[in-house]
Amino acid sequence: MICLIFFPMYAFYQIGKQLVREVEKGNSTWATFWTTTVGVFVAVFTLLGVTSVDDLSTLGS
C-alpha cells in the first residue's frame, strides 16, 4: 500500500530531475521541459480516469 502512495512521487521526481539535467546540458530547452512535464501529468491523470476539472475536484475530496 505504501508503494502505491510513494512510487508515483518518486517517479515524478526522477523524471523531473532527468529533464532538468538535459536542460542544464543544453540538450533541450525549458519549453521542452514544461511540455514534457505537462504531457506526463496529463497521461497519468488520464490513466487514473481524471479527464475533467470535475473529476479532479472529486478526486481531491
PDB file of N, CA and C in Angstrom:
ATOM      1  N   MET A   1       0.822  -1.201   0.000  1.00  0.00           N
ATOM      2  CA  MET A   1       0.000   0.000   0.000  1.00  0.00           C
ATOM      3  C   MET A   1       0.860   1.257   0.000  1.00  0.00           C
ATOM      4  N   ILE A   2       1.928   1.231   0.765  1.00  0.00           N
ATOM      5  CA  ILE A   2       2.816   2.396   0.821  1.00  0.00           C
ATOM      6  C   ILE A   2       3.447   2.641  -0.541  1.00  0.00           C
ATOM      7  N   CYS A   3       3.752   1.569  -1.275  1.00  0.00           N
ATOM      8  CA  CYS A   3       4.337   1.715  -2.605  1.00  0.00           C
ATOM      9  C   CYS A   3       3.401   2.481  -3.541  1.00  0.00           C
ATOM     10  N   LEU A   4       2.101   2.239  -3.417  1.00  0.00           N
ATOM     11  CA  LEU A   4       1.149   2.933  -4.276  1.00  0.00           C
ATOM     12  C   LEU A   4       1.119   4.427  -4.006  1.00  0.00           C
ATOM     13  N   ILE A   5       1.458   4.821  -2.799  1.00  0.00           N
ATOM     14  CA  ILE A   5       1.448   6.238  -2.442  1.00  0.00           C
ATOM     15  C   ILE A   5       2.757   6.916  -2.832  1.00  0.00           C
ATOM     16  N   PHE A   6       3.872   6.266  -2.517  1.00  0.00           N
ATOM     17  CA  PHE A   6       5.160   6.927  -2.684  1.00  0.00           C
ATOM     18  C   PHE A   6       5.819   6.705  -4.035  1.00  0.00           C
ATOM     19  N   PHE A   7       5.515   5.616  -4.740  1.00  0.00           N
ATOM     20  CA  PHE A   7       6.166   5.375  -6.019  1.00  0.00           C
ATOM     21  C   PHE A   7       5.873   6.455  -7.057  1.00  0.00           C
ATOM     22  N   PRO A   8       4.623   6.914  -7.216  1.00  0.00           N
ATOM     23  CA  PRO A   8       4.392   7.977  -8.205  1.00  0.00           C
ATOM     24  C   PRO A   8       5.172   9.252  -7.898  1.00  0.00           C
ATOM     25  N   MET A   9       5.261   9.627  -6.630  1.00  0.00           N
ATOM     26  CA  MET A   9       6.034  10.822  -6.280  1.00  0.00           C
ATOM     27  C   MET A   9       7.502  10.629  -6.626  1.00  0.00           C
ATOM     28  N   TYR A  10       8.035   9.451  -6.312  1.00  0.00           N
ATOM     29  CA  TYR A  10       9.431   9.152  -6.625  1.00  0.00           C
ATOM     30  C   TYR A  10       9.665   9.157  -8.139  1.00  0.00           C
ATOM     31  N   ALA A  11       8.735   8.582  -8.885  1.00  0.00           N
ATOM     32  CA  ALA A  11       8.866   8.530 -10.337  1.00  0.00           C
ATOM     33  C   ALA A  11       8.843   9.934 -10.936  1.00  0.00           C
ATOM     34  N   PHE A  12       7.909  10.785 -10.476  1.00  0.00           N
ATOM     35  CA  PHE A  12       7.855  12.162 -10.974  1.00  0.00           C
ATOM     36  C   PHE A  12       9.127  12.931 -10.615  1.00  0.00           C
ATOM     37  N   TYR A  13       9.647  12.689  -9.438  1.00  0.00           N
ATOM     38  CA  TYR A  13      10.891  13.338  -9.019  1.00  0.00           C
ATOM     39  C   TYR A  13      12.046  12.936  -9.943  1.00  0.00           C
ATOM     40  N   GLN A  14      12.159  11.656 -10.242  1.00  0.00           N
ATOM     41  CA  GLN A  14      13.239  11.171 -11.103  1.00  0.00           C
ATOM     42  C   GLN A  14      13.100  11.697 -12.533  1.00  0.00           C
ATOM     43  N   ILE A  15      11.877  11.719 -13.047  1.00  0.00           N
ATOM     44  CA  ILE A  15      11.641  12.249 -14.389  1.00  0.00           C
ATOM     45  C   ILE A  15      12.022  13.724 -14.440  1.00  0.00           C
ATOM     46  N   GLY A  16      11.574  14.490 -13.451  1.00  0.00           N
ATOM     47  CA  GLY A  16      11.897  15.913 -13.407  1.00  0.00           C
ATOM     48  C   GLY A  16      13.383  16.163 -13.275  1.00  0.00           C
ATOM     49  N   LYS A  17      14.048  15.376 -12.450  1.00  0.00           N
ATOM     50  CA  LYS A  17      15.489  15.537 -12.258  1.00  0.00           C
ATOM     51  C   LYS A  17      16.239  15.279 -13.564  1.00  0.00           C
ATOM     52  N   GLN A  18      15.837  14.254 -14.284  1.00  0.00           N
ATOM     53  CA  GLN A  18      16.496  13.943 -15.555  1.00  0.00           C
ATOM     54  C   GLN A  18      16.240  15.034 -16.590  1.00  0.00           C
ATOM     55  N   LEU A  19      15.009  15.550 -16.632  1.00  0.00           N
ATOM     56  CA  LEU A  19      14.695  16.615 -17.583  1.00  0.00           C
ATOM     57  C   LEU A  19      15.480  17.888 -17.277  1.00  0.00           C
ATOM     58  N   VAL A  20      15.648  18.205 -15.996  1.00  0.00           N
ATOM     59  CA  VAL A  20      16.436  19.388 -15.627  1.00  0.00           C
ATOM     60  C   VAL A  20      17.894  19.200 -16.038  1.00  0.00           C
ATOM     61  N   ARG A  21      18.429  17.986 -15.868  1.00  0.00           N
ATOM     62  CA  ARG A  21      19.807  17.716 -16.307  1.00  0.00           C
ATOM     63  C   ARG A  21      19.962  17.940 -17.801  1.00  0.00           C
ATOM     64  N   GLU A  22      18.975  17.515 -18.567  1.00  0.00           N
ATOM     65  CA  GLU A  22      19.040  17.699 -20.021  1.00  0.00           C
ATOM     66  C   GLU A  22      19.023  19.176 -20.398  1.00  0.00           C
ATOM     67  N   VAL A  23      18.225  19.963 -19.676  1.00  0.00           N
ATOM     68  CA  VAL A  23      18.185  21.407 -19.939  1.00  0.00           C
ATOM     69  C   VAL A  23      19.516  22.049 -19.562  1.00  0.00           C
ATOM     70  N   GLU A  24      20.073  21.661 -18.425  1.00  0.00           N
ATOM     71  CA  GLU A  24      21.335  22.243 -17.986  1.00  0.00           C
ATOM     72  C   GLU A  24      22.486  21.894 -18.925  1.00  0.00           C
ATOM     73  N   LYS A  25      22.445  20.712 -19.535  1.00  0.00           N
ATOM     74  CA  LYS A  25      23.471  20.320 -20.502  1.00  0.00           C
ATOM     75  C   LYS A  25      23.306  21.063 -21.822  1.00  0.00           C
ATOM     76  N   GLY A  26      22.132  21.604 -22.059  1.00  0.00           N
ATOM     77  CA  GLY A  26      21.859  22.289 -23.313  1.00  0.00           C
ATOM     78  C   GLY A  26      21.256  21.376 -24.363  1.00  0.00           C
ATOM     79  N   ASN A  27      20.869  20.167 -23.980  1.00  0.00           N
ATOM     80  CA  ASN A  27      20.278  19.230 -24.936  1.00  0.00           C
ATOM     81  C   ASN A  27      18.819  19.546 -25.238  1.00  0.00           C
ATOM     82  N   SER A  28      18.166  20.297 -24.367  1.00  0.00           N
ATOM     83  CA  SER A  28      16.780  20.694 -24.602  1.00  0.00           C
ATOM     84  C   SER A  28      16.546  22.061 -23.974  1.00  0.00           C
ATOM     85  N   THR A  29      15.366  22.597 -24.218  1.00  0.00           N
ATOM     86  CA  THR A  29      15.037  23.934 -23.721  1.00  0.00           C
ATOM     87  C   THR A  29      14.053  23.819 -22.575  1.00  0.00           C
ATOM     88  N   TRP A  30      13.819  24.951 -21.902  1.00  0.00           N
ATOM     89  CA  TRP A  30      12.835  24.960 -20.822  1.00  0.00           C
ATOM     90  C   TRP A  30      11.435  24.750 -21.370  1.00  0.00           C
ATOM     91  N   ALA A  31      11.193  25.199 -22.592  1.00  0.00           N
ATOM     92  CA  ALA A  31       9.879  24.961 -23.205  1.00  0.00           C
ATOM     93  C   ALA A  31       9.641  23.466 -23.387  1.00  0.00           C
ATOM     94  N   THR A  32      10.676  22.752 -23.807  1.00  0.00           N
ATOM     95  CA  THR A  32      10.571  21.299 -23.941  1.00  0.00           C
ATOM     96  C   THR A  32      10.368  20.651 -22.582  1.00  0.00           C
ATOM     97  N   PHE A  33      11.070  21.158 -21.574  1.00  0.00           N
ATOM     98  CA  PHE A  33      10.910  20.640 -20.211  1.00  0.00           C
ATOM     99  C   PHE A  33       9.462  20.729 -19.767  1.00  0.00           C
ATOM    100  N   TRP A  34       8.858  21.917 -19.912  1.00  0.00           N
ATOM    101  CA  TRP A  34       7.487  22.100 -19.442  1.00  0.00           C
ATOM    102  C   TRP A  34       6.489  21.329 -20.289  1.00  0.00           C
ATOM    103  N   THR A  35       6.714  21.247 -21.592  1.00  0.00           N
ATOM    104  CA  THR A  35       5.823  20.482 -22.458  1.00  0.00           C
ATOM    105  C   THR A  35       5.844  19.009 -22.075  1.00  0.00           C
ATOM    106  N   THR A  36       7.031  18.473 -21.830  1.00  0.00           N
ATOM    107  CA  THR A  36       7.153  17.069 -21.437  1.00  0.00           C
ATOM    108  C   THR A  36       6.531  16.830 -20.072  1.00  0.00           C
ATOM    109  N   THR A  37       6.776  17.735 -19.126  1.00  0.00           N
ATOM    110  CA  THR A  37       6.223  17.589 -17.782  1.00  0.00           C
ATOM    111  C   THR A  37       4.693  17.587 -17.815  1.00  0.00           C
ATOM    112  N   VAL A  38       4.114  18.526 -18.536  1.00  0.00           N
ATOM    113  CA  VAL A  38       2.655  18.583 -18.639  1.00  0.00           C
ATOM    114  C   VAL A  38       2.129  17.338 -19.342  1.00  0.00           C
ATOM    115  N   GLY A  39       2.819  16.871 -20.368  1.00  0.00           N
ATOM    116  CA  GLY A  39       2.399  15.660 -21.065  1.00  0.00           C
ATOM    117  C   GLY A  39       2.387  14.437 -20.163  1.00  0.00           C
ATOM    118  N   VAL A  40       3.400  14.313 -19.313  1.00  0.00           N
ATOM    119  CA  VAL A  40       3.463  13.185 -18.377  1.00  0.00           C
ATOM    120  C   VAL A  40       2.308  13.266 -17.387  1.00  0.00           C
ATOM    121  N   PHE A  41       2.047  14.455 -16.842  1.00  0.00           N
ATOM    122  CA  PHE A  41       0.952  14.597 -15.884  1.00  0.00           C
ATOM    123  C   PHE A  41      -0.401  14.316 -16.532  1.00  0.00           C
ATOM    124  N   VAL A  42      -0.602  14.772 -17.749  1.00  0.00           N
ATOM    125  CA  VAL A  42      -1.866  14.512 -18.440  1.00  0.00           C
ATOM    126  C   VAL A  42      -2.038  13.011 -18.672  1.00  0.00           C
ATOM    127  N   ALA A  43      -0.970  12.345 -19.074  1.00  0.00           N
ATOM    128  CA  ALA A  43      -1.050  10.895 -19.298  1.00  0.00           C
ATOM    129  C   ALA A  43      -1.387  10.154 -18.007  1.00  0.00           C
ATOM    130  N   VAL A  44      -0.760  10.556 -16.910  1.00  0.00           N
ATOM    131  CA  VAL A  44      -1.020   9.882 -15.629  1.00  0.00           C
ATOM    132  C   VAL A  44      -2.451  10.130 -15.176  1.00  0.00           C
ATOM    133  N   PHE A  45      -2.921  11.372 -15.268  1.00  0.00           N
ATOM    134  CA  PHE A  45      -4.294  11.655 -14.864  1.00  0.00           C
ATOM    135  C   PHE A  45      -5.295  10.908 -15.743  1.00  0.00           C
ATOM    136  N   THR A  46      -5.004  10.771 -17.031  1.00  0.00           N
ATOM    137  CA  THR A  46      -5.884  10.029 -17.920  1.00  0.00           C
ATOM    138  C   THR A  46      -5.934   8.563 -17.524  1.00  0.00           C
ATOM    139  N   LEU A  47      -4.788   7.995 -17.173  1.00  0.00           N
ATOM    140  CA  LEU A  47      -4.768   6.611 -16.714  1.00  0.00           C
ATOM    141  C   LEU A  47      -5.552   6.428 -15.413  1.00  0.00           C
ATOM    142  N   LEU A  48      -5.568   7.478 -14.583  1.00  0.00           N
ATOM    143  CA  LEU A  48      -6.342   7.425 -13.348  1.00  0.00           C
ATOM    144  C   LEU A  48      -7.830   7.661 -13.577  1.00  0.00           C
ATOM    145  N   GLY A  49      -8.197   8.050 -14.783  1.00  0.00           N
ATOM    146  CA  GLY A  49      -9.599   8.297 -15.095  1.00  0.00           C
ATOM    147  C   GLY A  49     -10.022   9.731 -14.869  1.00  0.00           C
ATOM    148  N   VAL A  50      -9.080  10.622 -14.647  1.00  0.00           N
ATOM    149  CA  VAL A  50      -9.383  12.034 -14.444  1.00  0.00           C
ATOM    150  C   VAL A  50      -9.312  12.717 -15.804  1.00  0.00           C
ATOM    151  N   THR A  51     -10.466  13.078 -16.351  1.00  0.00           N
ATOM    152  CA  THR A  51     -10.496  13.675 -17.684  1.00  0.00           C
ATOM    153  C   THR A  51     -11.101  15.078 -17.695  1.00  0.00           C
ATOM    154  N   SER A  52     -11.540  15.564 -16.539  1.00  0.00           N
ATOM    155  CA  SER A  52     -12.099  16.912 -16.486  1.00  0.00           C
ATOM    156  C   SER A  52     -11.803  17.531 -15.118  1.00  0.00           C
ATOM    157  N   VAL A  53     -12.097  18.806 -15.008  1.00  0.00           N
ATOM    158  CA  VAL A  53     -11.870  19.511 -13.741  1.00  0.00           C
ATOM    159  C   VAL A  53     -12.798  18.955 -12.666  1.00  0.00           C
ATOM    160  N   ASP A  54     -13.998  18.564 -13.045  1.00  0.00           N
ATOM    161  CA  ASP A  54     -14.931  17.979 -12.080  1.00  0.00           C
ATOM    162  C   ASP A  54     -14.378  16.683 -11.484  1.00  0.00           C
ATOM    163  N   ASP A  55     -13.785  15.851 -12.345  1.00  0.00           N
ATOM    164  CA  ASP A  55     -13.162  14.618 -11.839  1.00  0.00           C
ATOM    165  C   ASP A  55     -12.013  14.922 -10.889  1.00  0.00           C
ATOM    166  N   LEU A  56     -11.252  15.949 -11.209  1.00  0.00           N
ATOM    167  CA  LEU A  56     -10.122  16.327 -10.374  1.00  0.00           C
ATOM    168  C   LEU A  56     -10.588  16.824  -9.015  1.00  0.00           C
ATOM    169  N   SER A  57     -11.663  17.614  -8.979  1.00  0.00           N
ATOM    170  CA  SER A  57     -12.168  18.092  -7.703  1.00  0.00           C
ATOM    171  C   SER A  57     -12.773  16.948  -6.892  1.00  0.00           C
ATOM    172  N   THR A  58     -13.386  15.989  -7.552  1.00  0.00           N
ATOM    173  CA  THR A  58     -13.916  14.817  -6.859  1.00  0.00           C
ATOM    174  C   THR A  58     -12.797  13.971  -6.284  1.00  0.00           C
ATOM    175  N   LEU A  59     -11.706  13.849  -7.032  1.00  0.00           N
ATOM    176  CA  LEU A  59     -10.560  13.078  -6.569  1.00  0.00           C
ATOM    177  C   LEU A  59      -9.956  13.704  -5.320  1.00  0.00           C
ATOM    178  N   GLY A  60      -9.967  15.034  -5.243  1.00  0.00           N
ATOM    179  CA  GLY A  60      -9.376  15.741  -4.095  1.00  0.00           C
ATOM    180  C   GLY A  60     -10.224  15.688  -2.840  1.00  0.00           C
ATOM    181  N   SER A  61     -11.507  15.464  -2.978  1.00  0.00           N
ATOM    182  CA  SER A  61     -12.379  15.482  -1.794  1.00  0.00           C
ATOM    183  C   SER A  61     -12.739  14.100  -1.303  1.00  0.00           C
TER     184      SER A  61
END
